[in-house]
Amino acid sequence: MSGHAVHIKLDGRTYSGTYKVDRKILTVTTSYGKKSAEIGHRVAHETLAHQLLQELVQEEKSRKGSTL
């Protein structure tokens, strides 16, 4: 199973990661963590991947000493 690239632009910067789908769970992986969620009905994989990547970026930015 190979990963799919996902990118978002936030505050003028581009952040990227990869996502994989295993059964009904989508997992986004970045250099600073990973986040998973169950895939809902009528939700595009890429849409959910963007949402999870945005959450990862915001969590990393809120950490003390983050370089993002």
N, C-alpha and C. Protein backbone atom coordinates (compact mmCIF):
# COMPACT_ATOMS: atom_id res chain seq x y z
N MET A 1 0.85 -1.19 0.00
CA MET A 1 0.00 0.00 0.00
C MET A 1 0.89 1.25 0.00
N SER A 2 0.74 2.10 -0.98
CA SER A 2 1.56 3.30 -1.06
C SER A 2 0.78 4.51 -0.56
N GLY A 3 1.52 5.55 -0.15
CA GLY A 3 0.89 6.75 0.35
C GLY A 3 0.58 7.73 -0.76
N HIS A 4 -0.35 8.60 -0.48
CA HIS A 4 -0.73 9.66 -1.41
C HIS A 4 -0.30 11.00 -0.80
N ALA A 5 0.25 11.87 -1.61
CA ALA A 5 0.70 13.18 -1.13
C ALA A 5 -0.50 14.07 -0.85
N VAL A 6 -0.37 14.88 0.20
CA VAL A 6 -1.39 15.87 0.54
C VAL A 6 -0.67 17.15 0.95
N HIS A 7 -1.19 18.30 0.49
CA HIS A 7 -0.58 19.60 0.76
C HIS A 7 -1.68 20.58 1.16
N ILE A 8 -1.33 21.47 2.09
CA ILE A 8 -2.23 22.58 2.42
C ILE A 8 -1.40 23.85 2.52
N LYS A 9 -2.07 24.96 2.30
CA LYS A 9 -1.43 26.27 2.47
C LYS A 9 -2.09 26.93 3.68
N LEU A 10 -1.26 27.34 4.63
CA LEU A 10 -1.76 27.93 5.86
C LEU A 10 -0.84 29.07 6.26
N ASP A 11 -1.39 30.25 6.46
CA ASP A 11 -0.60 31.42 6.85
C ASP A 11 0.55 31.68 5.87
N GLY A 12 0.29 31.47 4.57
CA GLY A 12 1.28 31.76 3.56
C GLY A 12 2.36 30.70 3.38
N ARG A 13 2.28 29.62 4.14
CA ARG A 13 3.26 28.54 4.00
C ARG A 13 2.57 27.27 3.53
N THR A 14 3.31 26.43 2.82
CA THR A 14 2.76 25.15 2.36
C THR A 14 3.29 24.04 3.25
N TYR A 15 2.37 23.20 3.70
CA TYR A 15 2.70 22.05 4.54
C TYR A 15 2.30 20.79 3.80
N SER A 16 3.08 19.74 3.96
CA SER A 16 2.79 18.52 3.23
C SER A 16 2.91 17.29 4.11
N GLY A 17 2.28 16.24 3.66
CA GLY A 17 2.34 14.96 4.33
C GLY A 17 1.89 13.89 3.36
N THR A 18 1.70 12.70 3.86
CA THR A 18 1.17 11.61 3.04
C THR A 18 0.00 10.99 3.79
N TYR A 19 -0.91 10.40 3.01
CA TYR A 19 -2.01 9.70 3.67
C TYR A 19 -2.19 8.32 3.06
N LYS A 20 -2.67 7.42 3.91
CA LYS A 20 -2.96 6.05 3.50
C LYS A 20 -4.33 5.68 4.03
N VAL A 21 -4.99 4.79 3.32
CA VAL A 21 -6.29 4.29 3.74
C VAL A 21 -6.14 2.79 3.99
N ASP A 22 -6.52 2.36 5.18
CA ASP A 22 -6.50 0.94 5.53
C ASP A 22 -7.86 0.62 6.13
N ARG A 23 -8.59 -0.23 5.45
CA ARG A 23 -9.98 -0.54 5.78
C ARG A 23 -10.76 0.77 5.76
N LYS A 24 -11.33 1.20 6.86
CA LYS A 24 -12.09 2.47 6.82
C LYS A 24 -11.39 3.56 7.62
N ILE A 25 -10.07 3.43 7.79
CA ILE A 25 -9.30 4.41 8.55
C ILE A 25 -8.31 5.10 7.63
N LEU A 26 -8.34 6.43 7.64
CA LEU A 26 -7.40 7.23 6.87
C LEU A 26 -6.38 7.80 7.85
N THR A 27 -5.09 7.65 7.54
CA THR A 27 -4.02 8.15 8.40
C THR A 27 -3.14 9.10 7.62
N VAL A 28 -2.94 10.30 8.18
CA VAL A 28 -2.03 11.30 7.61
C VAL A 28 -0.75 11.27 8.43
N THR A 29 0.39 11.23 7.73
CA THR A 29 1.69 11.19 8.39
C THR A 29 2.54 12.37 7.93
N THR A 30 3.17 13.04 8.89
CA THR A 30 4.09 14.14 8.60
C THR A 30 5.37 13.89 9.39
N SER A 31 6.35 14.75 9.21
CA SER A 31 7.60 14.61 9.97
C SER A 31 7.40 14.90 11.45
N TYR A 32 6.28 15.52 11.83
CA TYR A 32 6.05 15.87 13.23
C TYR A 32 4.87 15.14 13.85
N GLY A 33 4.39 14.11 13.20
CA GLY A 33 3.34 13.30 13.82
C GLY A 33 2.42 12.65 12.82
N LYS A 34 1.44 11.93 13.37
CA LYS A 34 0.44 11.30 12.51
C LYS A 34 -0.91 11.38 13.20
N LYS A 35 -1.95 11.32 12.37
CA LYS A 35 -3.33 11.46 12.87
C LYS A 35 -4.21 10.58 12.01
N SER A 36 -5.15 9.89 12.66
CA SER A 36 -6.05 8.98 11.95
C SER A 36 -7.50 9.34 12.24
N ALA A 37 -8.37 8.99 11.29
CA ALA A 37 -9.80 9.19 11.47
C ALA A 37 -10.55 8.17 10.63
N GLU A 38 -11.73 7.82 11.09
CA GLU A 38 -12.57 6.91 10.33
C GLU A 38 -13.18 7.68 9.16
N ILE A 39 -13.25 7.03 8.02
CA ILE A 39 -13.80 7.66 6.83
C ILE A 39 -15.32 7.60 6.90
N GLY A 40 -15.95 8.76 6.78
CA GLY A 40 -17.40 8.83 6.83
C GLY A 40 -18.01 8.65 5.45
N HIS A 41 -19.31 8.53 5.41
CA HIS A 41 -20.03 8.41 4.13
C HIS A 41 -19.93 9.72 3.37
N ARG A 42 -19.71 9.63 2.09
CA ARG A 42 -19.67 10.77 1.18
C ARG A 42 -18.58 11.79 1.50
N VAL A 43 -17.52 11.37 2.16
CA VAL A 43 -16.39 12.27 2.42
C VAL A 43 -15.22 11.81 1.56
N ALA A 44 -14.75 12.69 0.71
CA ALA A 44 -13.62 12.35 -0.15
C ALA A 44 -12.38 12.13 0.69
N HIS A 45 -11.58 11.15 0.32
CA HIS A 45 -10.36 10.86 1.07
C HIS A 45 -9.47 12.09 1.16
N GLU A 46 -9.32 12.80 0.06
CA GLU A 46 -8.45 13.97 0.05
C GLU A 46 -8.97 15.08 0.96
N THR A 47 -10.27 15.24 1.04
CA THR A 47 -10.86 16.25 1.92
C THR A 47 -10.54 15.94 3.38
N LEU A 48 -10.72 14.69 3.76
CA LEU A 48 -10.41 14.28 5.13
C LEU A 48 -8.91 14.40 5.40
N ALA A 49 -8.08 14.05 4.43
CA ALA A 49 -6.63 14.16 4.59
C ALA A 49 -6.21 15.62 4.81
N HIS A 50 -6.81 16.54 4.06
CA HIS A 50 -6.51 17.97 4.24
C HIS A 50 -6.89 18.42 5.65
N GLN A 51 -8.04 17.98 6.13
CA GLN A 51 -8.51 18.36 7.46
C GLN A 51 -7.55 17.84 8.54
N LEU A 52 -7.14 16.59 8.42
CA LEU A 52 -6.23 16.02 9.41
C LEU A 52 -4.86 16.69 9.36
N LEU A 53 -4.38 17.00 8.16
CA LEU A 53 -3.10 17.70 8.03
C LEU A 53 -3.17 19.07 8.67
N GLN A 54 -4.27 19.77 8.46
CA GLN A 54 -4.43 21.10 9.08
C GLN A 54 -4.42 20.98 10.60
N GLU A 55 -5.08 19.97 11.14
CA GLU A 55 -5.09 19.77 12.60
C GLU A 55 -3.68 19.48 13.10
N LEU A 56 -2.92 18.65 12.39
CA LEU A 56 -1.55 18.34 12.78
C LEU A 56 -0.68 19.59 12.79
N VAL A 57 -0.80 20.43 11.77
CA VAL A 57 -0.02 21.66 11.68
C VAL A 57 -0.38 22.58 12.84
N GLN A 58 -1.67 22.75 13.11
CA GLN A 58 -2.09 23.65 14.20
C GLN A 58 -1.63 23.13 15.55
N GLU A 59 -1.68 21.81 15.76
CA GLU A 59 -1.20 21.24 17.02
C GLU A 59 0.30 21.46 17.17
N GLU A 60 1.04 21.27 16.09
CA GLU A 60 2.50 21.45 16.14
C GLU A 60 2.84 22.91 16.40
N LYS A 61 2.11 23.83 15.76
CA LYS A 61 2.37 25.26 15.95
C LYS A 61 2.10 25.68 17.40
N SER A 62 1.16 25.03 18.05
CA SER A 62 0.82 25.41 19.43
C SER A 62 1.80 24.84 20.45
N ARG A 63 2.64 23.89 20.04
CA ARG A 63 3.62 23.32 20.95
C ARG A 63 4.72 24.33 21.24
N LYS A 64 5.14 24.36 22.46
CA LYS A 64 6.22 25.26 22.86
C LYS A 64 7.50 24.88 22.12
N GLY A 65 8.15 25.84 21.51
CA GLY A 65 9.41 25.59 20.82
C GLY A 65 9.25 25.06 19.39
N SER A 66 8.03 25.05 18.88
CA SER A 66 7.82 24.56 17.53
C SER A 66 8.51 25.46 16.51
N THR A 67 9.07 24.86 15.47
CA THR A 67 9.74 25.64 14.44
C THR A 67 8.87 25.87 13.21
N LEU A 68 7.60 25.46 13.28
CA LEU A 68 6.70 25.66 12.12
C LEU A 68 6.26 27.09 12.03
